[in-house]
């Protein structure tokens, strides 16, 4: 599971618990200018992951770490697909972050609020 927050014009993803071990990563800091949007997508867990380049993939149990799919890098941290949020990025190491959060609707809403023009 991950904790996703917006702090000082950055999107911060903190990988929690043992997921840090499985994902080989504990934190991602992304400038908000590089975040294109976020959606709650429980169905994404059934889609192909691509080639694992670092991390863990046990189908039906956990997908965590870096994967390469269609020439793009994707970061995953999902055990329970019901909490999956997809965050689209531009000009970053990862094209997309797929992370499980406690309250997907609240996370998506907070990201969309932060991205709204002022």
Protein backbone atom coordinates (compact mmCIF):
# COMPACT_ATOMS: atom_id res chain seq x y z
CA UNK A 1 0.00 0.00 0.00
CA UNK A 2 1.08 3.56 -0.61
CA UNK A 3 0.37 6.94 0.88
CA UNK A 4 -0.10 9.62 -1.79
CA UNK A 5 -0.01 13.31 -0.87
CA UNK A 6 0.55 16.67 -2.50
CA UNK A 7 3.25 18.70 -0.78
CA UNK A 8 4.83 21.96 -1.99
CA UNK A 9 3.81 21.50 -5.64
CA UNK A 10 5.06 17.89 -5.63
CA UNK A 11 3.22 14.59 -5.68
CA UNK A 12 4.71 12.37 -2.98
CA UNK A 13 4.18 8.61 -3.04
CA UNK A 14 5.41 6.82 0.07
CA UNK A 15 5.47 3.05 -0.17
CA UNK A 16 4.52 1.62 3.22
CA UNK A 17 5.39 -1.49 5.22
CA UNK A 18 6.86 -4.56 3.59
CA UNK A 19 5.82 -3.20 0.20
CA UNK A 20 9.06 -1.18 0.33
CA UNK A 21 10.93 -4.46 0.20
CA UNK A 22 8.81 -5.94 -2.60
CA UNK A 23 8.86 -2.75 -4.68
CA UNK A 24 12.54 -1.97 -4.08
CA UNK A 25 11.50 1.64 -3.47
CA UNK A 26 10.25 3.64 -0.51
CA UNK A 27 9.38 7.06 -1.93
CA UNK A 28 8.75 8.85 -5.21
CA UNK A 29 8.70 12.66 -5.52
CA UNK A 30 7.15 13.96 -8.73
CA UNK A 31 6.80 17.67 -9.60
CA UNK A 32 3.09 18.46 -10.07
CA UNK A 33 3.95 19.95 -13.46
CA UNK A 34 4.75 16.38 -14.59
CA UNK A 35 1.47 14.85 -13.35
CA UNK A 36 -1.15 14.59 -16.10
CA UNK A 37 -3.98 13.12 -14.03
CA UNK A 38 -5.22 10.29 -11.86
CA UNK A 39 -8.01 7.72 -12.02
CA UNK A 40 -9.38 4.99 -9.78
CA UNK A 41 -9.05 1.80 -11.87
CA UNK A 42 -9.58 -1.53 -10.05
CA UNK A 43 -9.60 -3.37 -13.41
CA UNK A 44 -6.00 -2.50 -14.24
CA UNK A 45 -4.75 -5.38 -12.09
CA UNK A 46 -6.10 -7.85 -14.67
CA UNK A 47 -4.15 -6.24 -17.51
CA UNK A 48 -0.68 -7.39 -18.61
CA UNK A 49 2.12 -5.89 -16.52
CA UNK A 50 4.92 -6.12 -19.05
CA UNK A 51 8.44 -7.22 -18.19
CA UNK A 52 9.52 -6.92 -14.56
CA UNK A 53 12.74 -4.93 -14.32
CA UNK A 54 12.93 -4.85 -10.53
CA UNK A 55 10.51 -5.88 -7.83
CA UNK A 56 7.97 -8.63 -7.24
CA UNK A 57 5.07 -10.14 -9.18
CA UNK A 58 3.04 -12.97 -7.72
CA UNK A 59 -0.20 -13.10 -9.76
CA UNK A 60 -3.25 -12.61 -7.56
CA UNK A 61 -1.06 -11.71 -4.56
CA UNK A 62 1.14 -8.66 -5.23
CA UNK A 63 2.59 -6.59 -8.04
CA UNK A 64 5.27 -4.21 -6.82
CA UNK A 65 8.23 -2.52 -8.46
CA UNK A 66 9.28 -1.43 -11.93
CA UNK A 67 7.92 -2.95 -15.11
CA UNK A 68 8.49 -2.13 -18.78
CA UNK A 69 5.40 -2.22 -20.97
CA UNK A 70 5.14 -1.05 -24.57
CA UNK A 71 8.45 0.80 -24.26
CA UNK A 72 7.41 2.66 -21.10
CA UNK A 73 8.31 2.20 -17.45
CA UNK A 74 5.46 1.65 -15.03
CA UNK A 75 5.75 1.58 -11.23
CA UNK A 76 3.37 -0.79 -9.41
CA UNK A 77 2.44 -1.30 -5.76
CA UNK A 78 -0.85 -3.22 -5.67
CA UNK A 79 -2.11 -6.14 -3.60
CA UNK A 80 -5.84 -5.35 -3.51
CA UNK A 81 -7.00 -4.09 -6.93
CA UNK A 82 -10.07 -2.39 -5.39
CA UNK A 83 -7.75 0.37 -4.12
CA UNK A 84 -5.76 0.83 -7.34
CA UNK A 85 -5.12 4.38 -8.54
CA UNK A 86 -3.39 5.09 -11.84
CA UNK A 87 -1.36 8.31 -11.99
CA UNK A 88 -0.30 9.40 -15.48
CA UNK A 89 3.03 11.24 -15.75
CA UNK A 90 4.97 13.17 -18.39
CA UNK A 91 8.73 13.76 -18.64
CA UNK A 92 9.50 11.36 -15.77
CA UNK A 93 11.33 8.08 -15.35
CA UNK A 94 7.92 6.37 -15.10
CA UNK A 95 5.10 6.99 -17.56
CA UNK A 96 2.57 5.76 -15.01
CA UNK A 97 2.28 4.89 -11.33
CA UNK A 98 -0.21 2.19 -10.33
CA UNK A 99 -0.54 2.21 -6.55
CA UNK A 100 -2.99 0.85 -3.99
CA UNK A 101 -4.28 3.42 -1.51
CA UNK A 102 -6.74 3.37 1.41
CA UNK A 103 -9.23 5.78 -0.15
CA UNK A 104 -8.86 5.87 -3.95
CA UNK A 105 -11.60 8.46 -4.54
CA UNK A 106 -10.07 10.89 -2.03
CA UNK A 107 -6.59 10.46 -3.52
CA UNK A 108 -7.84 11.05 -7.08
CA UNK A 109 -9.83 14.10 -5.93
CA UNK A 110 -6.82 15.60 -4.12
CA UNK A 111 -4.59 15.14 -7.18
CA UNK A 112 -7.20 16.62 -9.51
CA UNK A 113 -7.68 19.61 -7.13
CA UNK A 114 -3.92 20.20 -7.08
CA UNK A 115 -3.82 20.11 -10.89
CA UNK A 116 -6.77 22.46 -11.39
CA UNK A 117 -5.86 25.86 -12.82
CA UNK A 118 -5.70 28.62 -10.24
